[in-house]
Amino acid sequence: MAKEFEGEPRGPGVRVAIAISRFNEELTLRLLEGALMAMQDHHVEDENLTVAWVQEPLNFPLWRRRWLSLEIT
């Protein structure tokens, strides 16, 4: 049996970065819309959301490194 973890998601003060591929944009756009709705449902402030459209999935590690190197106050 798989372990399940439940929590009380709270978004205030949380920073979220979403990288989304332009490949199969019809599908990924719907996934992005769902992710943004979930962030809104959990009260993540718009100024704490970053969305990057990436040309190829292979570029995700580059974006991740870039985001992690940013010092945001």
PDB file of N, CA and C in Angstrom:
ATOM      1  N   MET A   1       0.847  -1.179   0.000  1.00  0.00           N
ATOM      2  CA  MET A   1       0.000   0.000   0.000  1.00  0.00           C
ATOM      3  C   MET A   1       0.890   1.239   0.000  1.00  0.00           C
ATOM      4  N   ALA A   2       0.572   2.171  -0.827  1.00  0.00           N
ATOM      5  CA  ALA A   2       1.341   3.415  -0.919  1.00  0.00           C
ATOM      6  C   ALA A   2       1.062   4.295   0.294  1.00  0.00           C
ATOM      7  N   LYS A   3       2.078   5.045   0.686  1.00  0.00           N
ATOM      8  CA  LYS A   3       1.905   5.990   1.787  1.00  0.00           C
ATOM      9  C   LYS A   3       1.210   7.235   1.259  1.00  0.00           C
ATOM     10  N   GLU A   4       0.318   7.751   2.033  1.00  0.00           N
ATOM     11  CA  GLU A   4      -0.375   8.986   1.674  1.00  0.00           C
ATOM     12  C   GLU A   4      -0.030  10.061   2.682  1.00  0.00           C
ATOM     13  N   PHE A   5       0.174  11.252   2.175  1.00  0.00           N
ATOM     14  CA  PHE A   5       0.446  12.394   3.030  1.00  0.00           C
ATOM     15  C   PHE A   5      -0.638  13.425   2.787  1.00  0.00           C
ATOM     16  N   GLU A   6      -1.184  13.920   3.847  1.00  0.00           N
ATOM     17  CA  GLU A   6      -2.184  14.967   3.726  1.00  0.00           C
ATOM     18  C   GLU A   6      -1.714  16.166   4.521  1.00  0.00           C
ATOM     19  N   GLY A   7      -1.991  17.303   4.005  1.00  0.00           N
ATOM     20  CA  GLY A   7      -1.621  18.520   4.699  1.00  0.00           C
ATOM     21  C   GLY A   7      -2.658  19.585   4.455  1.00  0.00           C
ATOM     22  N   GLU A   8      -2.401  20.708   5.022  1.00  0.00           N
ATOM     23  CA  GLU A   8      -3.282  21.845   4.826  1.00  0.00           C
ATOM     24  C   GLU A   8      -2.525  22.862   3.997  1.00  0.00           C
ATOM     25  N   PRO A   9      -2.701  22.834   2.666  1.00  0.00           N
ATOM     26  CA  PRO A   9      -1.934  23.747   1.817  1.00  0.00           C
ATOM     27  C   PRO A   9      -2.288  25.202   2.096  1.00  0.00           C
ATOM     28  N   ARG A  10      -1.255  25.974   2.302  1.00  0.00           N
ATOM     29  CA  ARG A  10      -1.434  27.412   2.532  1.00  0.00           C
ATOM     30  C   ARG A  10      -0.480  28.150   1.617  1.00  0.00           C
ATOM     31  N   GLY A  11      -0.986  29.125   0.901  1.00  0.00           N
ATOM     32  CA  GLY A  11      -0.174  29.813  -0.079  1.00  0.00           C
ATOM     33  C   GLY A  11       0.414  31.149   0.299  1.00  0.00           C
ATOM     34  N   PRO A  12      -0.142  31.879   1.271  1.00  0.00           N
ATOM     35  CA  PRO A  12       0.421  33.198   1.558  1.00  0.00           C
ATOM     36  C   PRO A  12       1.908  33.117   1.902  1.00  0.00           C
ATOM     37  N   GLY A  13       2.698  33.934   1.217  1.00  0.00           N
ATOM     38  CA  GLY A  13       4.136  33.962   1.460  1.00  0.00           C
ATOM     39  C   GLY A  13       4.928  32.928   0.684  1.00  0.00           C
ATOM     40  N   VAL A  14       4.244  32.034  -0.027  1.00  0.00           N
ATOM     41  CA  VAL A  14       4.920  30.991  -0.799  1.00  0.00           C
ATOM     42  C   VAL A  14       5.234  31.533  -2.189  1.00  0.00           C
ATOM     43  N   ARG A  15       6.456  31.272  -2.662  1.00  0.00           N
ATOM     44  CA  ARG A  15       6.831  31.658  -4.028  1.00  0.00           C
ATOM     45  C   ARG A  15       6.812  30.408  -4.897  1.00  0.00           C
ATOM     46  N   VAL A  16       6.220  30.529  -6.074  1.00  0.00           N
ATOM     47  CA  VAL A  16       6.067  29.388  -6.975  1.00  0.00           C
ATOM     48  C   VAL A  16       6.564  29.771  -8.361  1.00  0.00           C
ATOM     49  N   ALA A  17       7.361  28.887  -8.949  1.00  0.00           N
ATOM     50  CA  ALA A  17       7.820  29.056 -10.326  1.00  0.00           C
ATOM     51  C   ALA A  17       7.281  27.882 -11.139  1.00  0.00           C
ATOM     52  N   ILE A  18       6.680  28.188 -12.265  1.00  0.00           N
ATOM     53  CA  ILE A  18       6.126  27.162 -13.145  1.00  0.00           C
ATOM     54  C   ILE A  18       6.820  27.277 -14.494  1.00  0.00           C
ATOM     55  N   ALA A  19       7.457  26.200 -14.921  1.00  0.00           N
ATOM     56  CA  ALA A  19       8.056  26.139 -16.257  1.00  0.00           C
ATOM     57  C   ALA A  19       7.138  25.272 -17.106  1.00  0.00           C
ATOM     58  N   ILE A  20       6.783  25.779 -18.262  1.00  0.00           N
ATOM     59  CA  ILE A  20       5.843  25.057 -19.112  1.00  0.00           C
ATOM     60  C   ILE A  20       6.372  24.998 -20.536  1.00  0.00           C
ATOM     61  N   SER A  21       6.235  23.842 -21.140  1.00  0.00           N
ATOM     62  CA  SER A  21       6.782  23.619 -22.472  1.00  0.00           C
ATOM     63  C   SER A  21       5.847  24.141 -23.553  1.00  0.00           C
ATOM     64  N   ARG A  22       6.441  24.679 -24.605  1.00  0.00           N
ATOM     65  CA  ARG A  22       5.647  25.093 -25.770  1.00  0.00           C
ATOM     66  C   ARG A  22       5.278  23.880 -26.636  1.00  0.00           C
ATOM     67  N   PHE A  23       5.917  22.743 -26.400  1.00  0.00           N
ATOM     68  CA  PHE A  23       5.586  21.516 -27.115  1.00  0.00           C
ATOM     69  C   PHE A  23       4.179  21.093 -26.698  1.00  0.00           C
ATOM     70  N   ASN A  24       3.340  20.789 -27.660  1.00  0.00           N
ATOM     71  CA  ASN A  24       1.954  20.386 -27.415  1.00  0.00           C
ATOM     72  C   ASN A  24       1.229  21.455 -26.591  1.00  0.00           C
ATOM     73  N   GLU A  25       1.309  22.678 -27.075  1.00  0.00           N
ATOM     74  CA  GLU A  25       0.804  23.843 -26.344  1.00  0.00           C
ATOM     75  C   GLU A  25      -0.683  23.739 -26.007  1.00  0.00           C
ATOM     76  N   GLU A  26      -1.446  23.051 -26.833  1.00  0.00           N
ATOM     77  CA  GLU A  26      -2.874  22.898 -26.546  1.00  0.00           C
ATOM     78  C   GLU A  26      -3.079  22.206 -25.194  1.00  0.00           C
ATOM     79  N   LEU A  27      -2.293  21.184 -24.933  1.00  0.00           N
ATOM     80  CA  LEU A  27      -2.385  20.460 -23.665  1.00  0.00           C
ATOM     81  C   LEU A  27      -1.726  21.239 -22.531  1.00  0.00           C
ATOM     82  N   THR A  28      -0.515  21.744 -22.770  1.00  0.00           N
ATOM     83  CA  THR A  28       0.217  22.398 -21.684  1.00  0.00           C
ATOM     84  C   THR A  28      -0.464  23.687 -21.233  1.00  0.00           C
ATOM     85  N   LEU A  29      -1.157  24.365 -22.128  1.00  0.00           N
ATOM     86  CA  LEU A  29      -1.886  25.572 -21.737  1.00  0.00           C
ATOM     87  C   LEU A  29      -2.996  25.223 -20.746  1.00  0.00           C
ATOM     88  N   ARG A  30      -3.676  24.114 -20.982  1.00  0.00           N
ATOM     89  CA  ARG A  30      -4.726  23.673 -20.053  1.00  0.00           C
ATOM     90  C   ARG A  30      -4.130  23.281 -18.708  1.00  0.00           C
ATOM     91  N   LEU A  31      -2.957  22.640 -18.736  1.00  0.00           N
ATOM     92  CA  LEU A  31      -2.283  22.289 -17.479  1.00  0.00           C
ATOM     93  C   LEU A  31      -1.888  23.546 -16.708  1.00  0.00           C
ATOM     94  N   LEU A  32      -1.387  24.544 -17.424  1.00  0.00           N
ATOM     95  CA  LEU A  32      -1.012  25.803 -16.783  1.00  0.00           C
ATOM     96  C   LEU A  32      -2.234  26.473 -16.159  1.00  0.00           C
ATOM     97  N   GLU A  33      -3.338  26.512 -16.889  1.00  0.00           N
ATOM     98  CA  GLU A  33      -4.555  27.123 -16.351  1.00  0.00           C
ATOM     99  C   GLU A  33      -4.985  26.427 -15.064  1.00  0.00           C
ATOM    100  N   GLY A  34      -4.906  25.109 -15.038  1.00  0.00           N
ATOM    101  CA  GLY A  34      -5.256  24.359 -13.829  1.00  0.00           C
ATOM    102  C   GLY A  34      -4.311  24.657 -12.681  1.00  0.00           C
ATOM    103  N   ALA A  35      -3.017  24.753 -12.983  1.00  0.00           N
ATOM    104  CA  ALA A  35      -2.031  25.064 -11.943  1.00  0.00           C
ATOM    105  C   ALA A  35      -2.269  26.460 -11.378  1.00  0.00           C
ATOM    106  N   LEU A  36      -2.557  27.423 -12.245  1.00  0.00           N
ATOM    107  CA  LEU A  36      -2.799  28.793 -11.782  1.00  0.00           C
ATOM    108  C   LEU A  36      -4.081  28.878 -10.948  1.00  0.00           C
ATOM    109  N   MET A  37      -5.102  28.112 -11.329  1.00  0.00           N
ATOM    110  CA  MET A  37      -6.330  28.086 -10.532  1.00  0.00           C
ATOM    111  C   MET A  37      -6.061  27.486  -9.156  1.00  0.00           C
ATOM    112  N   ALA A  38      -5.234  26.436  -9.109  1.00  0.00           N
ATOM    113  CA  ALA A  38      -4.889  25.824  -7.821  1.00  0.00           C
ATOM    114  C   ALA A  38      -4.120  26.808  -6.944  1.00  0.00           C
ATOM    115  N   MET A  39      -3.221  27.580  -7.543  1.00  0.00           N
ATOM    116  CA  MET A  39      -2.477  28.584  -6.775  1.00  0.00           C
ATOM    117  C   MET A  39      -3.434  29.632  -6.207  1.00  0.00           C
ATOM    118  N   GLN A  40      -4.407  30.036  -7.009  1.00  0.00           N
ATOM    119  CA  GLN A  40      -5.399  31.015  -6.555  1.00  0.00           C
ATOM    120  C   GLN A  40      -6.249  30.427  -5.424  1.00  0.00           C
ATOM    121  N   ASP A  41      -6.651  29.162  -5.571  1.00  0.00           N
ATOM    122  CA  ASP A  41      -7.456  28.497  -4.538  1.00  0.00           C
ATOM    123  C   ASP A  41      -6.724  28.429  -3.202  1.00  0.00           C
ATOM    124  N   HIS A  42      -5.391  28.366  -3.257  1.00  0.00           N
ATOM    125  CA  HIS A  42      -4.587  28.261  -2.032  1.00  0.00           C
ATOM    126  C   HIS A  42      -3.977  29.596  -1.625  1.00  0.00           C
ATOM    127  N   HIS A  43      -4.498  30.665  -2.211  1.00  0.00           N
ATOM    128  CA  HIS A  43      -4.149  32.033  -1.818  1.00  0.00           C
ATOM    129  C   HIS A  43      -2.683  32.390  -2.037  1.00  0.00           C
ATOM    130  N   VAL A  44      -2.090  31.871  -3.108  1.00  0.00           N
ATOM    131  CA  VAL A  44      -0.740  32.297  -3.493  1.00  0.00           C
ATOM    132  C   VAL A  44      -0.893  33.631  -4.210  1.00  0.00           C
ATOM    133  N   GLU A  45      -0.163  34.651  -3.737  1.00  0.00           N
ATOM    134  CA  GLU A  45      -0.282  35.982  -4.322  1.00  0.00           C
ATOM    135  C   GLU A  45       0.311  35.999  -5.729  1.00  0.00           C
ATOM    136  N   ASP A  46      -0.306  36.775  -6.624  1.00  0.00           N
ATOM    137  CA  ASP A  46       0.156  36.872  -8.014  1.00  0.00           C
ATOM    138  C   ASP A  46       1.611  37.304  -8.109  1.00  0.00           C
ATOM    139  N   GLU A  47       2.035  38.217  -7.238  1.00  0.00           N
ATOM    140  CA  GLU A  47       3.424  38.688  -7.302  1.00  0.00           C
ATOM    141  C   GLU A  47       4.423  37.608  -6.892  1.00  0.00           C
ATOM    142  N   ASN A  48       3.938  36.506  -6.319  1.00  0.00           N
ATOM    143  CA  ASN A  48       4.813  35.398  -5.937  1.00  0.00           C
ATOM    144  C   ASN A  48       4.782  34.257  -6.949  1.00  0.00           C
ATOM    145  N   LEU A  49       4.148  34.484  -8.098  1.00  0.00           N
ATOM    146  CA  LEU A  49       4.070  33.475  -9.159  1.00  0.00           C
ATOM    147  C   LEU A  49       4.945  33.894 -10.331  1.00  0.00           C
ATOM    148  N   THR A  50       5.727  32.951 -10.835  1.00  0.00           N
ATOM    149  CA  THR A  50       6.533  33.175 -12.028  1.00  0.00           C
ATOM    150  C   THR A  50       6.231  32.052 -13.004  1.00  0.00           C
ATOM    151  N   VAL A  51       5.945  32.410 -14.256  1.00  0.00           N
ATOM    152  CA  VAL A  51       5.683  31.413 -15.298  1.00  0.00           C
ATOM    153  C   VAL A  51       6.681  31.638 -16.424  1.00  0.00           C
ATOM    154  N   ALA A  52       7.341  30.569 -16.849  1.00  0.00           N
ATOM    155  CA  ALA A  52       8.284  30.654 -17.968  1.00  0.00           C
ATOM    156  C   ALA A  52       7.878  29.640 -19.025  1.00  0.00           C
ATOM    157  N   TRP A  53       7.715  30.129 -20.247  1.00  0.00           N
ATOM    158  CA  TRP A  53       7.461  29.244 -21.379  1.00  0.00           C
ATOM    159  C   TRP A  53       8.812  28.799 -21.915  1.00  0.00           C
ATOM    160  N   VAL A  54       9.025  27.499 -21.965  1.00  0.00           N
ATOM    161  CA  VAL A  54      10.299  26.919 -22.382  1.00  0.00           C
ATOM    162  C   VAL A  54      10.100  26.251 -23.738  1.00  0.00           C
ATOM    163  N   GLN A  55      11.039  26.481 -24.657  1.00  0.00           N
ATOM    164  CA  GLN A  55      10.908  25.930 -26.011  1.00  0.00           C
ATOM    165  C   GLN A  55      10.895  24.404 -26.013  1.00  0.00           C
ATOM    166  N   GLU A  56      11.780  23.802 -25.251  1.00  0.00           N
ATOM    167  CA  GLU A  56      11.888  22.340 -25.233  1.00  0.00           C
ATOM    168  C   GLU A  56      11.988  21.858 -23.794  1.00  0.00           C
ATOM    169  N   PRO A  57      11.422  20.698 -23.496  1.00  0.00           N
ATOM    170  CA  PRO A  57      11.533  20.164 -22.137  1.00  0.00           C
ATOM    171  C   PRO A  57      12.983  20.017 -21.672  1.00  0.00           C
ATOM    172  N   LEU A  58      13.907  19.840 -22.596  1.00  0.00           N
ATOM    173  CA  LEU A  58      15.315  19.708 -22.215  1.00  0.00           C
ATOM    174  C   LEU A  58      15.852  20.985 -21.575  1.00  0.00           C
ATOM    175  N   ASN A  59      15.171  22.115 -21.784  1.00  0.00           N
ATOM    176  CA  ASN A  59      15.606  23.382 -21.196  1.00  0.00           C
ATOM    177  C   ASN A  59      15.159  23.557 -19.747  1.00  0.00           C
ATOM    178  N   PHE A  60      14.316  22.673 -19.224  1.00  0.00           N
ATOM    179  CA  PHE A  60      13.834  22.825 -17.854  1.00  0.00           C
ATOM    180  C   PHE A  60      14.962  22.903 -16.827  1.00  0.00           C
ATOM    181  N   PRO A  61      15.980  22.036 -16.904  1.00  0.00           N
ATOM    182  CA  PRO A  61      17.063  22.147 -15.912  1.00  0.00           C
ATOM    183  C   PRO A  61      17.776  23.493 -15.960  1.00  0.00           C
ATOM    184  N   LEU A  62      17.901  24.089 -17.137  1.00  0.00           N
ATOM    185  CA  LEU A  62      18.536  25.404 -17.242  1.00  0.00           C
ATOM    186  C   LEU A  62      17.706  26.465 -16.531  1.00  0.00           C
ATOM    187  N   TRP A  63      16.399  26.428 -16.717  1.00  0.00           N
ATOM    188  CA  TRP A  63      15.526  27.384 -16.037  1.00  0.00           C
ATOM    189  C   TRP A  63      15.549  27.168 -14.535  1.00  0.00           C
ATOM    190  N   ARG A  64      15.554  25.906 -14.127  1.00  0.00           N
ATOM    191  CA  ARG A  64      15.579  25.612 -12.689  1.00  0.00           C
ATOM    192  C   ARG A  64      16.830  26.199 -12.062  1.00  0.00           C
ATOM    193  N   ARG A  65      17.973  25.995 -12.684  1.00  0.00           N
ATOM    194  CA  ARG A  65      19.227  26.556 -12.170  1.00  0.00           C
ATOM    195  C   ARG A  65      19.159  28.076 -12.112  1.00  0.00           C
ATOM    196  N   ARG A  66      18.592  28.658 -13.137  1.00  0.00           N
ATOM    197  CA  ARG A  66      18.489  30.122 -13.191  1.00  0.00           C
ATOM    198  C   ARG A  66      17.621  30.647 -12.045  1.00  0.00           C
ATOM    199  N   TRP A  67      16.457  30.017 -11.830  1.00  0.00           N
ATOM    200  CA  TRP A  67      15.569  30.450 -10.750  1.00  0.00           C
ATOM    201  C   TRP A  67      16.218  30.275  -9.388  1.00  0.00           C
ATOM    202  N   LEU A  68      16.892  29.145  -9.202  1.00  0.00           N
ATOM    203  CA  LEU A  68      17.510  28.888  -7.902  1.00  0.00           C
ATOM    204  C   LEU A  68      18.648  29.852  -7.611  1.00  0.00           C
ATOM    205  N   SER A  69      19.265  30.389  -8.648  1.00  0.00           N
ATOM    206  CA  SER A  69      20.380  31.310  -8.433  1.00  0.00           C
ATOM    207  C   SER A  69      19.907  32.740  -8.168  1.00  0.00           C
ATOM    208  N   LEU A  70      18.631  33.014  -8.419  1.00  0.00           N
ATOM    209  CA  LEU A  70      18.102  34.361  -8.187  1.00  0.00           C
ATOM    210  C   LEU A  70      17.896  34.591  -6.700  1.00  0.00           C
ATOM    211  N   GLU A  71      18.301  35.739  -6.242  1.00  0.00           N
ATOM    212  CA  GLU A  71      18.043  36.103  -4.850  1.00  0.00           C
ATOM    213  C   GLU A  71      16.888  37.085  -4.857  1.00  0.00           C
ATOM    214  N   ILE A  72      15.741  36.603  -4.437  1.00  0.00           N
ATOM    215  CA  ILE A  72      14.538  37.420  -4.456  1.00  0.00           C
ATOM    216  C   ILE A  72      14.180  37.774  -3.020  1.00  0.00           C
ATOM    217  N   THR A  73      13.966  39.047  -2.784  1.00  0.00           N
ATOM    218  CA  THR A  73      13.615  39.475  -1.420  1.00  0.00           C
ATOM    219  C   THR A  73      12.150  39.787  -1.313  1.00  0.00           C
TER     220      THR A  73
END
